[in-house]
C-alpha atoms as a PDB file:
ATOM      1  CA  MET A   1     -36.824  27.420  12.867  1.00  0.00           C
ATOM      2  CA  CYS A   2     -33.410  28.633  12.028  1.00  0.00           C
ATOM      3  CA  ASP A   3     -32.136  32.294  11.815  1.00  0.00           C
ATOM      4  CA  VAL A   4     -29.036  31.346  10.094  1.00  0.00           C
ATOM      5  CA  PRO A   5     -28.726  27.836   8.288  1.00  0.00           C
ATOM      6  CA  VAL A   6     -25.181  26.997   7.520  1.00  0.00           C
ATOM      7  CA  PHE A   7     -25.466  24.594   4.471  1.00  0.00           C
ATOM      8  CA  PHE A   8     -22.381  22.702   3.593  1.00  0.00           C
ATOM      9  CA  ALA A   9     -21.119  20.111   1.114  1.00  0.00           C
ATOM     10  CA  THR A  10     -17.995  18.096   2.189  1.00  0.00           C
ATOM     11  CA  SER A  11     -15.759  15.335   0.673  1.00  0.00           C
ATOM     12  CA  GLU A  12     -13.478  14.502   3.644  1.00  0.00           C
ATOM     13  CA  GLY A  13     -15.432  16.293   6.518  1.00  0.00           C
ATOM     14  CA  HIS A  14     -13.572  19.346   7.043  1.00  0.00           C
ATOM     15  CA  THR A  15     -16.194  21.716   5.420  1.00  0.00           C
ATOM     16  CA  ARG A  16     -18.913  20.360   7.944  1.00  0.00           C
ATOM     17  CA  ARG A  17     -16.375  21.168  10.720  1.00  0.00           C
ATOM     18  CA  ILE A  18     -16.119  24.662   9.398  1.00  0.00           C
ATOM     19  CA  ALA A  19     -20.013  24.738   9.111  1.00  0.00           C
ATOM     20  CA  GLU A  20     -20.270  23.569  12.428  1.00  0.00           C
ATOM     21  CA  VAL A  21     -17.966  26.292  13.914  1.00  0.00           C
ATOM     22  CA  LEU A  22     -19.894  29.119  12.042  1.00  0.00           C
ATOM     23  CA  ALA A  23     -23.018  27.822  13.470  1.00  0.00           C
ATOM     24  CA  GLY A  24     -21.767  27.348  16.889  1.00  0.00           C
ATOM     25  CA  THR A  25     -20.437  31.059  16.748  1.00  0.00           C
ATOM     26  CA  LEU A  26     -23.889  32.214  15.453  1.00  0.00           C
ATOM     27  CA  ARG A  27     -25.567  30.610  18.307  1.00  0.00           C
ATOM     28  CA  GLU A  28     -23.154  32.064  20.887  1.00  0.00           C
ATOM     29  CA  LEU A  29     -24.075  35.550  19.288  1.00  0.00           C
ATOM     30  CA  GLY A  30     -27.873  34.955  20.159  1.00  0.00           C
ATOM     31  CA  LEU A  31     -29.050  33.415  16.802  1.00  0.00           C
ATOM     32  CA  SER A  32     -30.217  30.107  15.848  1.00  0.00           C
ATOM     33  CA  SER A  33     -28.183  28.164  13.481  1.00  0.00           C
ATOM     34  CA  ASP A  34     -27.524  24.639  12.413  1.00  0.00           C
ATOM     35  CA  ALA A  35     -24.966  23.257  10.232  1.00  0.00           C
ATOM     36  CA  ILE A  36     -26.886  21.425   7.445  1.00  0.00           C
ATOM     37  CA  ASP A  37     -25.757  19.146   5.069  1.00  0.00           C
ATOM     38  CA  VAL A  38     -26.905  20.015   1.470  1.00  0.00           C
ATOM     39  CA  THR A  39     -27.794  16.079   0.699  1.00  0.00           C
ATOM     40  CA  SER A  40     -29.886  15.794   3.712  1.00  0.00           C
ATOM     41  CA  PRO A  41     -33.606  15.742   4.387  1.00  0.00           C
ATOM     42  CA  GLY A  42     -33.488  18.866   6.570  1.00  0.00           C
ATOM     43  CA  ALA A  43     -31.655  20.869   3.569  1.00  0.00           C
ATOM     44  CA  GLN A  44     -34.585  20.215   1.368  1.00  0.00           C
ATOM     45  CA  THR A  45     -37.248  21.130   3.919  1.00  0.00           C
ATOM     46  CA  LEU A  46     -36.002  24.072   5.521  1.00  0.00           C
ATOM     47  CA  ASP A  47     -38.579  26.867   6.289  1.00  0.00           C
ATOM     48  CA  TRP A  48     -37.013  29.782   4.237  1.00  0.00           C
ATOM     49  CA  SER A  49     -39.426  32.225   5.821  1.00  0.00           C
ATOM     50  CA  ALA A  50     -37.551  32.069   9.048  1.00  0.00           C
ATOM     51  CA  ALA A  51     -34.215  32.406   7.862  1.00  0.00           C
ATOM     52  CA  ARG A  52     -32.608  35.795   8.350  1.00  0.00           C
ATOM     53  CA  ALA A  53     -29.529  34.974   6.303  1.00  0.00           C
ATOM     54  CA  ALA A  54     -27.942  32.113   4.937  1.00  0.00           C
ATOM     55  CA  ILE A  55     -24.282  30.511   4.180  1.00  0.00           C
ATOM     56  CA  VAL A  56     -23.546  27.984   1.817  1.00  0.00           C
ATOM     57  CA  ALA A  57     -20.112  26.351   2.190  1.00  0.00           C
ATOM     58  CA  ALA A  58     -18.595  23.905  -0.130  1.00  0.00           C
ATOM     59  CA  SER A  59     -14.887  22.597  -1.112  1.00  0.00           C
ATOM     60  CA  ILE A  60     -13.052  22.802  -4.350  1.00  0.00           C
ATOM     61  CA  HIS A  61     -11.770  19.326  -5.602  1.00  0.00           C
ATOM     62  CA  MET A  62      -9.982  19.140  -8.740  1.00  0.00           C
ATOM     63  CA  GLY A  63     -11.055  22.634  -9.813  1.00  0.00           C
ATOM     64  CA  LYS A  64     -14.507  22.220  -8.989  1.00  0.00           C
ATOM     65  CA  HIS A  65     -17.019  22.694  -5.872  1.00  0.00           C
ATOM     66  CA  GLN A  66     -19.170  19.532  -5.136  1.00  0.00           C
ATOM     67  CA  GLN A  67     -22.167  19.121  -7.734  1.00  0.00           C
ATOM     68  CA  ALA A  68     -24.213  18.696  -4.401  1.00  0.00           C
ATOM     69  CA  ALA A  69     -23.880  21.984  -3.662  1.00  0.00           C
ATOM     70  CA  GLU A  70     -24.533  23.265  -7.012  1.00  0.00           C
ATOM     71  CA  ALA A  71     -27.962  21.216  -7.146  1.00  0.00           C
ATOM     72  CA  PHE A  72     -28.742  22.655  -3.729  1.00  0.00           C
ATOM     73  CA  VAL A  73     -28.268  26.339  -4.807  1.00  0.00           C
ATOM     74  CA  ARG A  74     -29.869  25.729  -8.008  1.00  0.00           C
ATOM     75  CA  ALA A  75     -32.860  24.091  -6.057  1.00  0.00           C
ATOM     76  CA  HIS A  76     -33.253  27.161  -3.527  1.00  0.00           C
ATOM     77  CA  LEU A  77     -32.065  30.047  -5.512  1.00  0.00           C
ATOM     78  CA  ALA A  78     -35.491  31.817  -4.575  1.00  0.00           C
ATOM     79  CA  GLY A  79     -34.783  31.261  -0.979  1.00  0.00           C
ATOM     80  CA  LEU A  80     -30.979  32.554  -1.129  1.00  0.00           C
ATOM     81  CA  ALA A  81     -32.088  35.533  -3.335  1.00  0.00           C
ATOM     82  CA  THR A  82     -34.304  37.032  -0.582  1.00  0.00           C
ATOM     83  CA  ARG A  83     -32.097  37.395   2.177  1.00  0.00           C
ATOM     84  CA  PRO A  84     -28.456  38.157   2.886  1.00  0.00           C
ATOM     85  CA  THR A  85     -26.239  35.069   2.155  1.00  0.00           C
ATOM     86  CA  VAL A  86     -22.778  34.257   2.134  1.00  0.00           C
ATOM     87  CA  PHE A  87     -20.804  31.749  -0.245  1.00  0.00           C
ATOM     88  CA  ILE A  88     -17.603  30.011   1.541  1.00  0.00           C
ATOM     89  CA  SER A  89     -15.325  28.221  -0.920  1.00  0.00           C
ATOM     90  CA  VAL A  90     -12.965  25.813   1.075  1.00  0.00           C
ATOM     91  CA  SER A  91      -9.534  25.088  -0.623  1.00  0.00           C
ATOM     92  CA  LEU A  92      -6.034  24.451  -0.372  1.00  0.00           C
ATOM     93  CA  ALA A  93      -5.146  26.605  -2.876  1.00  0.00           C
ATOM     94  CA  ILE A  94      -6.028  29.933  -1.120  1.00  0.00           C
ATOM     95  CA  CYS A  95      -3.409  28.914   1.241  1.00  0.00           C
ATOM     96  CA  SER A  96      -0.702  28.695  -1.602  1.00  0.00           C
ATOM     97  CA  LYS A  97       2.543  30.772  -1.408  1.00  0.00           C
ATOM     98  CA  ASN A  98       1.928  31.344  -5.068  1.00  0.00           C
ATOM     99  CA  PRO A  99      -0.111  34.307  -5.840  1.00  0.00           C
ATOM    100  CA  GLU A 100      -1.304  32.935  -9.290  1.00  0.00           C
ATOM    101  CA  GLU A 101      -2.691  29.700  -7.541  1.00  0.00           C
ATOM    102  CA  VAL A 102      -4.475  31.971  -5.132  1.00  0.00           C
ATOM    103  CA  ALA A 103      -6.044  34.170  -7.710  1.00  0.00           C
ATOM    104  CA  LYS A 104      -7.175  30.873  -9.262  1.00  0.00           C
ATOM    105  CA  ALA A 105      -8.770  29.716  -6.075  1.00  0.00           C
ATOM    106  CA  ARG A 106     -10.514  33.143  -5.852  1.00  0.00           C
ATOM    107  CA  ALA A 107     -12.161  32.965  -9.584  1.00  0.00           C
ATOM    108  CA  ILE A 108     -13.086  29.709  -9.049  1.00  0.00           C
ATOM    109  CA  ALA A 109     -15.081  30.615  -6.003  1.00  0.00           C
ATOM    110  CA  ARG A 110     -16.400  33.812  -7.669  1.00  0.00           C
ATOM    111  CA  ALA A 111     -17.353  31.769 -10.671  1.00  0.00           C
ATOM    112  CA  PHE A 112     -19.601  29.154  -8.817  1.00  0.00           C
ATOM    113  CA  PRO A 113     -22.293  31.412  -7.707  1.00  0.00           C
ATOM    114  CA  ASP A 114     -22.289  33.637 -10.799  1.00  0.00           C
ATOM    115  CA  ARG A 115     -22.569  30.675 -12.858  1.00  0.00           C
ATOM    116  CA  LEU A 116     -25.909  29.570 -11.098  1.00  0.00           C
ATOM    117  CA  GLY A 117     -27.472  33.302 -11.295  1.00  0.00           C
ATOM    118  CA  TRP A 118     -26.968  33.305  -7.409  1.00  0.00           C
ATOM    119  CA  ARG A 119     -25.799  36.757  -6.259  1.00  0.00           C
ATOM    120  CA  PRO A 120     -24.482  36.271  -2.332  1.00  0.00           C
ATOM    121  CA  THR A 121     -23.967  39.490  -0.174  1.00  0.00           C
ATOM    122  CA  ARG A 122     -20.003  37.901   0.116  1.00  0.00           C
ATOM    123  CA  VAL A 123     -17.946  35.351  -1.553  1.00  0.00           C
ATOM    124  CA  GLU A 124     -15.342  34.278   1.111  1.00  0.00           C
ATOM    125  CA  CYS A 125     -12.243  31.740   0.741  1.00  0.00           C
ATOM    126  CA  VAL A 126     -11.257  29.729   3.616  1.00  0.00           C
ATOM    127  CA  GLY A 127      -8.488  27.356   3.835  1.00  0.00           C
ATOM    128  CA  GLY A 128      -8.917  23.571   3.937  1.00  0.00           C
ATOM    129  CA  ARG A 129      -7.071  20.808   5.401  1.00  0.00           C
ATOM    130  CA  LEU A 130      -4.541  18.322   3.778  1.00  0.00           C
ATOM    131  CA  ALA A 131      -5.904  15.209   4.920  1.00  0.00           C
ATOM    132  CA  TYR A 132      -3.013  12.943   4.202  1.00  0.00           C
ATOM    133  CA  ARG A 133      -4.353  10.155   6.584  1.00  0.00           C
ATOM    134  CA  GLN A 134      -7.456   9.741   4.667  1.00  0.00           C
ATOM    135  CA  TYR A 135      -6.067   9.684   1.383  1.00  0.00           C
ATOM    136  CA  GLY A 136      -5.229   6.237  -0.661  1.00  0.00           C
ATOM    137  CA  PHE A 137      -1.262   5.753  -1.550  1.00  0.00           C
ATOM    138  CA  LEU A 138      -1.869   7.497  -4.957  1.00  0.00           C
ATOM    139  CA  THR A 139      -3.953  10.512  -3.759  1.00  0.00           C
ATOM    140  CA  ARG A 140      -1.391  10.852  -0.842  1.00  0.00           C
ATOM    141  CA  TRP A 141       1.641  10.952  -3.194  1.00  0.00           C
ATOM    142  CA  MET A 142       0.050  13.529  -5.752  1.00  0.00           C
ATOM    143  CA  MET A 143      -1.012  15.875  -2.993  1.00  0.00           C
ATOM    144  CA  LYS A 144       2.202  15.620  -1.406  1.00  0.00           C
ATOM    145  CA  ARG A 145       3.887  16.477  -4.686  1.00  0.00           C
ATOM    146  CA  ILE A 146       1.458  19.556  -5.016  1.00  0.00           C
ATOM    147  CA  ALA A 147       2.015  20.620  -1.613  1.00  0.00           C
ATOM    148  CA  ALA A 148       5.705  20.701  -2.004  1.00  0.00           C
ATOM    149  CA  LYS A 149       5.297  22.886  -5.389  1.00  0.00           C
ATOM    150  CA  GLU A 150       2.998  25.293  -3.515  1.00  0.00           C
ATOM    151  CA  GLY A 151       5.268  25.608  -0.374  1.00  0.00           C
ATOM    152  CA  GLY A 152       2.553  23.788   1.852  1.00  0.00           C
ATOM    153  CA  PRO A 153       3.042  20.722   4.511  1.00  0.00           C
ATOM    154  CA  THR A 154       4.583  17.598   2.904  1.00  0.00           C
ATOM    155  CA  ASP A 155       4.602  15.499   6.391  1.00  0.00           C
ATOM    156  CA  THR A 156       2.394  12.648   5.263  1.00  0.00           C
ATOM    157  CA  SER A 157       2.138  11.140   8.843  1.00  0.00           C
ATOM    158  CA  ARG A 158      -0.506  13.524   9.884  1.00  0.00           C
ATOM    159  CA  ASN A 159      -3.244  15.771   8.477  1.00  0.00           C
ATOM    160  CA  HIS A 160      -2.742  19.696   8.290  1.00  0.00           C
ATOM    161  CA  ASP A 161      -5.316  22.021   9.112  1.00  0.00           C
ATOM    162  CA  LEU A 162      -4.475  25.158   7.244  1.00  0.00           C
ATOM    163  CA  THR A 163      -8.179  26.934   8.248  1.00  0.00           C
ATOM    164  CA  ASP A 164      -7.568  30.248  10.165  1.00  0.00           C
ATOM    165  CA  TRP A 165     -10.192  29.534  12.528  1.00  0.00           C
ATOM    166  CA  THR A 166     -10.277  32.946  14.000  1.00  0.00           C
ATOM    167  CA  ALA A 167     -11.301  34.471  10.496  1.00  0.00           C
ATOM    168  CA  VAL A 168     -14.255  31.748  10.472  1.00  0.00           C
ATOM    169  CA  GLN A 169     -15.388  33.155  13.794  1.00  0.00           C
ATOM    170  CA  LEU A 170     -15.047  36.662  12.683  1.00  0.00           C
ATOM    171  CA  LEU A 171     -16.897  35.941   9.378  1.00  0.00           C
ATOM    172  CA  ALA A 172     -19.655  34.421  11.617  1.00  0.00           C
ATOM    173  CA  THR A 173     -19.853  37.603  13.583  1.00  0.00           C
ATOM    174  CA  ASP A 174     -20.309  39.807  10.149  1.00  0.00           C
ATOM    175  CA  VAL A 175     -23.082  37.157   9.102  1.00  0.00           C
ATOM    176  CA  ALA A 176     -24.615  37.793  12.336  1.00  0.00           C
ATOM    177  CA  ALA A 177     -24.659  41.650  11.629  1.00  0.00           C
ATOM    178  CA  LEU A 178     -26.145  40.998   8.098  1.00  0.00           C
ATOM    179  CA  ALA A 179     -28.597  38.761   9.849  1.00  0.00           C
ATOM    180  CA  LEU A 180     -29.609  41.258  12.466  1.00  0.00           C
ATOM    181  CA  HIS A 181     -29.166  44.672  10.638  1.00  0.00           C
ATOM    182  CA  PRO A 182     -29.164  43.698   6.958  1.00  0.00           C
ATOM    183  CA  VAL A 183     -29.456  47.556   6.039  1.00  0.00           C
ATOM    184  CA  LYS A 184     -26.971  48.739   8.108  1.00  0.00           C
ATOM    185  CA  ALA A 185     -24.481  45.886   7.276  1.00  0.00           C
ATOM    186  CA  ARG A 186     -24.674  46.382   3.644  1.00  0.00           C
ATOM    187  CA  ALA A 187     -24.321  50.297   4.023  1.00  0.00           C
ATOM    188  CA  ARG A 188     -21.060  49.510   6.153  1.00  0.00           C
ATOM    189  CA  ALA A 189     -19.845  47.092   3.501  1.00  0.00           C
ATOM    190  CA  VAL A 190     -20.286  49.502   0.587  1.00  0.00           C
ATOM    191  CA  ALA A 191     -18.753  52.448   2.768  1.00  0.00           C
ATOM    192  CA  VAL A 192     -15.523  50.421   3.281  1.00  0.00           C
ATOM    193  CA  GLY A 193     -15.322  49.077  -0.517  1.00  0.00           C
ATOM    194  CA  ALA A 194     -16.154  45.261   0.610  1.00  0.00           C
END
């Protein structure tokens, strides 16, 4: 039984960390929550009847989210459609100093659920991590060039976490409100133009 499952797809492990922080914060707020890899057996056998809300998080690589996240949403569209949901798109572009790159990251985030016929309650963009120490030589070189162009960190001797962890915890608080009081939370979101 899980009040708010936090499903995630990850390539280098950072989206898993974001999902774990979300689930941990939701548990601190009194809801049962687990971070669940979309490719795990637990994601396929979840009892949707117990879920009050759900989160799906995936990261952008080369302009696209993971295919595993897309397959998960397609397979569980009915469960996602019957409760408050949030889609979280994790990327480096959302942290760019270039407004065009930020707009592009937001457009990719909105296009993901739209293309699948999913209408989440919210779509959020969260900064990722430059995992220089995990990249191969060619990827590290390419990512350093992109980071320099976008005003990001270029020190390849370490990884750079660009996630606003306070914003992630605040998002979990908002999801808790959706789960506990879905009608009030939706009315509040409409009232403030969210």
